[in-house]
Amino acid sequence: MELCVLASGSKGNCIYVSGGGTSLLIDAGLSAKETLLRMDRAGIDKNAVKSILLTHDHTDHCKGTRVLRERLQAELFANEGTATALEQRDPKLLSGFTVFDDGGAFEINDLRIEPFQVPHDASDTVGFVLDDGFSRLCVVTDIGQTTSLVKIKVQNCDIVVVESNHDVEMLRQSQRPWSLIQRIQGRSGHLSNEDAAELITETANGRLKHIVLAHLSEDCNTPRLAHNTMVDALSLIGRGNLPVHVASQNEIGPRLLF
């Protein structure tokens, strides 16, 4: 399987995945023009991408959905809550979705996809586990707290893309309104660096090969803080040499084969 994070952050999210005879995008939060440009820069064959999976209906995850679908001639996949929210926002998307059930796996060619619910303040947010029969990838971002289900899904994966949104002290000392700070720290908000590290250290086993830290706040976190928090926690369980990548809003991530 192959993974490339094209963008991750509050201004737009998009992840490329290829495996099991299919190539797809998870989320379409950039403009279609920017998404296609980044795919070209990453050396990705955009003509091979025929599916787009959506985690939820927040703009930074779905802004480019309709135009990107048209440009790629791709099939859209979302649960009922997300599909309904986007259809209400853009009538041109009516009946444009293949709707999946949270907790019910489906397949695109030989790639098995397992959507699972996560707590976040959108219509119905999900994470995904993707399995091509050889490798397993878990994508879990925009999540306010870890749950037993999230931990189960993260376990036994070769690579995990996990939210590491903010440093707690930077958030509390920021100039943001207190209501926004409470929302971010709340059970339906976003994971802190420490939360992400706790999730991974509680679930990591010998199969885990890569960690990608995602959805970093631009003003309440830094790549170094997020990276060091995770590495320090992994060192305590004897996994300090595990590769930890930090996804960027503005830079295309590496193409990871696993």
Protein backbone atom coordinates (compact mmCIF):
# COMPACT_ATOMS: atom_id res chain seq x y z
CA MET A 1 0.00 0.00 0.00
CA GLU A 2 1.08 3.59 -0.55
CA LEU A 3 0.23 6.78 1.35
CA CYS A 4 0.89 10.43 0.56
CA VAL A 5 -0.55 13.30 2.61
CA LEU A 6 -1.20 16.08 0.12
CA ALA A 7 -2.35 18.55 2.79
CA SER A 8 -3.28 18.48 6.46
CA GLY A 9 -4.48 21.35 8.63
CA SER A 10 -7.35 23.72 9.29
CA LYS A 11 -7.16 25.19 5.77
CA GLY A 12 -7.58 21.93 3.87
CA ASN A 13 -7.07 18.18 4.14
CA CYS A 14 -6.46 15.55 1.48
CA ILE A 15 -4.73 12.15 1.62
CA TYR A 16 -3.81 9.89 -1.30
CA VAL A 17 -3.90 6.11 -0.78
CA SER A 18 -3.21 3.33 -3.28
CA GLY A 19 -3.57 -0.39 -2.69
CA GLY A 20 -5.64 -3.41 -3.54
CA GLY A 21 -5.91 -2.40 -7.17
CA THR A 22 -7.39 1.03 -6.46
CA SER A 23 -6.24 4.61 -5.92
CA LEU A 24 -8.33 7.04 -3.90
CA LEU A 25 -8.40 10.25 -1.91
CA ILE A 26 -9.50 10.61 1.67
CA ASP A 27 -11.16 14.04 1.95
CA ALA A 28 -11.23 16.88 -0.55
CA GLY A 29 -10.59 19.96 1.54
CA LEU A 30 -8.42 21.81 -0.97
CA SER A 31 -9.73 23.37 -4.15
CA ALA A 32 -9.84 20.93 -7.05
CA LYS A 33 -7.18 22.96 -8.83
CA GLU A 34 -4.79 22.82 -5.87
CA THR A 35 -5.44 19.12 -5.27
CA LEU A 36 -4.62 18.22 -8.87
CA LEU A 37 -1.54 20.45 -8.79
CA ARG A 38 -0.24 18.71 -5.68
CA MET A 39 -0.90 15.29 -7.16
CA ASP A 40 1.16 16.27 -10.19
CA ARG A 41 3.96 17.58 -8.00
CA ALA A 42 3.96 14.34 -6.00
CA GLY A 43 4.18 12.27 -9.16
CA ILE A 44 0.74 10.73 -8.60
CA ASP A 45 -1.26 9.57 -11.61
CA LYS A 46 -4.46 11.55 -11.13
CA ASN A 47 -6.20 9.59 -13.86
CA ALA A 48 -5.98 6.48 -11.68
CA VAL A 49 -7.90 8.08 -8.80
CA LYS A 50 -11.54 7.08 -9.14
CA SER A 51 -12.81 7.23 -5.55
CA ILE A 52 -13.06 9.95 -2.88
CA LEU A 53 -13.86 9.03 0.74
CA LEU A 54 -15.11 11.75 3.07
CA THR A 55 -14.63 11.71 6.83
CA HIS A 56 -17.11 14.51 7.60
CA ASP A 57 -18.73 17.70 6.32
CA HIS A 58 -16.47 20.44 7.70
CA THR A 59 -15.25 22.72 4.93
CA ASP A 60 -11.56 21.94 5.42
CA HIS A 61 -12.35 18.33 4.49
CA CYS A 62 -14.87 18.75 1.68
CA LYS A 63 -14.47 22.17 0.03
CA GLY A 64 -13.36 20.79 -3.34
CA THR A 65 -15.65 17.77 -3.42
CA ARG A 66 -17.99 18.56 -6.31
CA VAL A 67 -15.45 20.00 -8.72
CA LEU A 68 -12.85 17.36 -7.90
CA ARG A 69 -15.39 14.61 -8.50
CA GLU A 70 -16.13 16.10 -11.92
CA ARG A 71 -12.46 16.53 -12.83
CA LEU A 72 -11.51 12.99 -11.80
CA GLN A 73 -14.81 11.34 -12.75
CA ALA A 74 -14.62 9.80 -9.30
CA GLU A 75 -17.18 8.06 -7.12
CA LEU A 76 -17.97 9.77 -3.80
CA PHE A 77 -18.27 7.73 -0.61
CA ALA A 78 -19.74 9.14 2.62
CA ASN A 79 -22.06 8.10 5.42
CA GLU A 80 -25.63 9.36 5.48
CA GLY A 81 -24.96 12.26 7.85
CA THR A 82 -22.13 13.66 5.76
CA ALA A 83 -23.87 13.06 2.43
CA THR A 84 -27.07 14.75 3.61
CA ALA A 85 -25.19 17.77 4.97
CA LEU A 86 -23.28 18.26 1.73
CA GLU A 87 -26.34 17.76 -0.46
CA GLN A 88 -28.15 20.46 1.51
CA ARG A 89 -25.19 22.77 1.06
CA ASP A 90 -24.76 22.06 -2.65
CA PRO A 91 -27.84 20.73 -4.51
CA LYS A 92 -25.60 19.71 -7.43
CA LEU A 93 -24.38 16.88 -5.20
CA LEU A 94 -27.88 15.40 -4.78
CA SER A 95 -27.84 11.63 -5.26
CA GLY A 96 -24.14 11.89 -5.97
CA PHE A 97 -22.94 9.68 -3.12
CA THR A 98 -22.41 6.02 -2.49
CA VAL A 99 -23.55 5.89 1.13
CA PHE A 100 -21.85 3.55 3.59
CA ASP A 101 -22.85 2.58 7.12
CA ASP A 102 -20.60 3.40 10.04
CA GLY A 103 -19.16 0.14 11.29
CA GLY A 104 -19.92 -1.69 8.06
CA ALA A 105 -16.97 -2.57 5.83
CA PHE A 106 -17.09 -2.27 2.04
CA GLU A 107 -14.66 -2.94 -0.77
CA ILE A 108 -13.34 -1.03 -3.76
CA ASN A 109 -11.65 -3.63 -5.95
CA ASP A 110 -9.44 -5.55 -3.49
CA LEU A 111 -9.17 -2.75 -0.94
CA ARG A 112 -11.28 -3.29 2.17
CA ILE A 113 -12.45 -0.11 3.90
CA GLU A 114 -13.72 -0.04 7.47
CA PRO A 115 -15.35 3.27 8.50
CA PHE A 116 -15.79 3.82 12.23
CA GLN A 117 -17.35 6.58 14.29
CA VAL A 118 -15.21 9.15 16.09
CA PRO A 119 -16.34 11.96 18.42
CA HIS A 120 -16.25 15.33 16.64
CA ASP A 121 -18.65 18.23 16.24
CA ALA A 122 -19.77 17.50 12.67
CA SER A 123 -22.80 15.70 11.26
CA ASP A 124 -21.27 12.22 11.65
CA THR A 125 -17.48 12.00 11.62
CA VAL A 126 -15.64 8.79 10.82
CA GLY A 127 -12.14 7.43 10.68
CA PHE A 128 -11.06 4.73 8.25
CA VAL A 129 -9.06 1.54 8.30
CA LEU A 130 -7.91 0.44 4.84
CA ASP A 131 -6.68 -3.12 4.29
CA ASP A 132 -5.35 -4.55 1.01
CA GLY A 133 -4.77 -8.03 2.44
CA PHE A 134 -1.13 -7.33 3.20
CA SER A 135 -1.00 -3.93 4.93
CA ARG A 136 -3.36 -1.95 7.14
CA LEU A 137 -3.65 1.83 7.36
CA CYS A 138 -5.68 3.78 9.92
CA VAL A 139 -6.65 7.42 9.38
CA VAL A 140 -8.10 9.07 12.48
CA THR A 141 -8.16 12.87 12.59
CA ASP A 142 -10.66 15.47 13.81
CA ILE A 143 -11.40 13.59 16.98
CA GLY A 144 -12.07 15.05 20.40
CA GLN A 145 -11.21 12.02 22.49
CA THR A 146 -10.04 8.46 22.10
CA THR A 147 -12.60 5.72 22.61
CA SER A 148 -12.39 1.97 22.98
CA LEU A 149 -13.44 1.63 19.35
CA VAL A 150 -10.72 4.01 18.17
CA LYS A 151 -8.10 2.05 20.09
CA ILE A 152 -9.28 -1.21 18.56
CA LYS A 153 -9.08 0.25 15.06
CA VAL A 154 -5.60 1.74 15.57
CA GLN A 155 -4.20 -1.57 16.79
CA ASN A 156 -2.60 -3.98 14.34
CA CYS A 157 -1.99 -1.35 11.68
CA ASP A 158 1.22 -0.83 9.75
CA ILE A 159 0.79 2.92 9.60
CA VAL A 160 -1.43 5.35 11.54
CA VAL A 161 -2.33 8.89 10.50
CA VAL A 162 -3.38 10.46 13.80
CA GLU A 163 -4.41 13.95 14.81
CA SER A 164 -1.89 15.87 16.91
CA ASN A 165 -3.65 19.22 16.81
CA HIS A 166 -2.36 21.40 19.62
CA ASP A 167 -0.02 21.89 22.52
CA VAL A 168 -2.20 22.39 25.59
CA GLU A 169 -0.26 25.32 27.03
CA MET A 170 0.04 27.11 23.69
CA LEU A 171 -3.71 26.74 23.22
CA ARG A 172 -4.55 28.07 26.69
CA GLN A 173 -2.19 31.02 26.28
CA SER A 174 -3.41 31.88 22.80
CA GLN A 175 -5.53 34.90 21.96
CA ARG A 176 -8.41 32.71 20.89
CA PRO A 177 -11.84 33.23 22.52
CA TRP A 178 -12.36 31.05 25.57
CA SER A 179 -15.38 29.43 23.92
CA LEU A 180 -13.17 28.25 21.04
CA ILE A 181 -10.51 26.97 23.42
CA GLN A 182 -13.16 24.97 25.25
CA ARG A 183 -14.49 23.58 21.97
CA ILE A 184 -11.03 22.43 20.86
CA GLN A 185 -10.30 20.82 24.21
CA GLY A 186 -13.75 19.30 24.49
CA ARG A 187 -14.84 15.74 23.87
CA SER A 188 -15.94 16.61 20.34
CA GLY A 189 -12.97 18.83 19.51
CA HIS A 190 -9.37 17.90 18.65
CA LEU A 191 -6.61 15.75 20.13
CA SER A 192 -3.61 17.40 21.74
CA ASN A 193 -0.03 16.23 21.22
CA GLU A 194 -0.22 14.40 24.53
CA ASP A 195 -3.53 12.77 23.62
CA ALA A 196 -2.09 11.49 20.35
CA ALA A 197 1.00 10.14 22.10
CA GLU A 198 -1.13 8.36 24.69
CA LEU A 199 -3.28 6.74 22.00
CA ILE A 200 -0.29 5.43 20.07
CA THR A 201 1.68 4.20 23.08
CA GLU A 202 -1.38 2.35 24.41
CA THR A 203 -1.99 0.57 21.10
CA ALA A 204 1.42 0.23 19.43
CA ASN A 205 2.66 -3.27 18.74
CA GLY A 206 5.40 -4.79 16.63
CA ARG A 207 3.43 -4.36 13.42
CA LEU A 208 3.45 -0.55 13.52
CA LYS A 209 5.99 0.84 11.03
CA HIS A 210 5.14 4.54 10.60
CA ILE A 211 3.22 7.28 12.40
CA VAL A 212 2.01 10.40 10.62
CA LEU A 213 0.97 13.32 12.82
CA ALA A 214 -1.82 15.31 11.20
CA HIS A 215 -4.05 18.38 11.47
CA LEU A 216 -1.54 20.49 13.42
CA SER A 217 -2.73 23.92 14.52
CA GLU A 218 -0.71 26.69 12.90
CA ASP A 219 -0.74 28.95 15.97
CA CYS A 220 -1.15 26.52 18.88
CA ASN A 221 1.44 23.91 17.92
CA THR A 222 4.72 23.43 16.08
CA PRO A 223 5.98 20.45 14.07
CA ARG A 224 8.88 20.07 16.49
CA LEU A 225 6.65 20.03 19.57
CA ALA A 226 4.30 17.47 18.05
CA HIS A 227 7.18 15.29 16.85
CA ASN A 228 9.12 15.43 20.12
CA THR A 229 6.05 14.71 22.24
CA MET A 230 5.37 11.55 20.24
CA VAL A 231 9.01 10.40 20.11
CA ASP A 232 9.49 10.97 23.86
CA ALA A 233 6.40 8.89 24.62
CA LEU A 234 7.49 6.13 22.25
CA SER A 235 10.93 6.06 23.87
CA LEU A 236 9.32 5.20 27.19
CA ILE A 237 7.93 1.99 25.67
CA GLY A 238 11.11 1.12 23.80
CA ARG A 239 9.92 2.31 20.36
CA GLY A 240 11.81 5.59 20.13
CA ASN A 241 13.26 4.62 16.73
CA LEU A 242 9.83 4.34 15.10
CA PRO A 243 9.59 6.79 12.16
CA VAL A 244 7.35 9.76 13.02
CA HIS A 245 6.35 12.05 10.16
CA VAL A 246 4.62 15.40 10.59
CA ALA A 247 2.07 16.29 7.92
CA SER A 248 1.93 19.87 6.69
CA GLN A 249 -0.70 22.29 5.48
CA ASN A 250 1.58 23.71 2.81
CA GLU A 251 4.03 20.93 1.96
CA ILE A 252 3.32 17.59 0.29
CA GLY A 253 4.32 14.66 2.47
CA PRO A 254 6.56 11.79 1.35
CA ARG A 255 5.15 8.86 -0.57
CA LEU A 256 5.29 6.08 2.00
CA LEU A 257 5.27 2.45 0.85
CA PHE A 258 4.38 -0.17 3.44
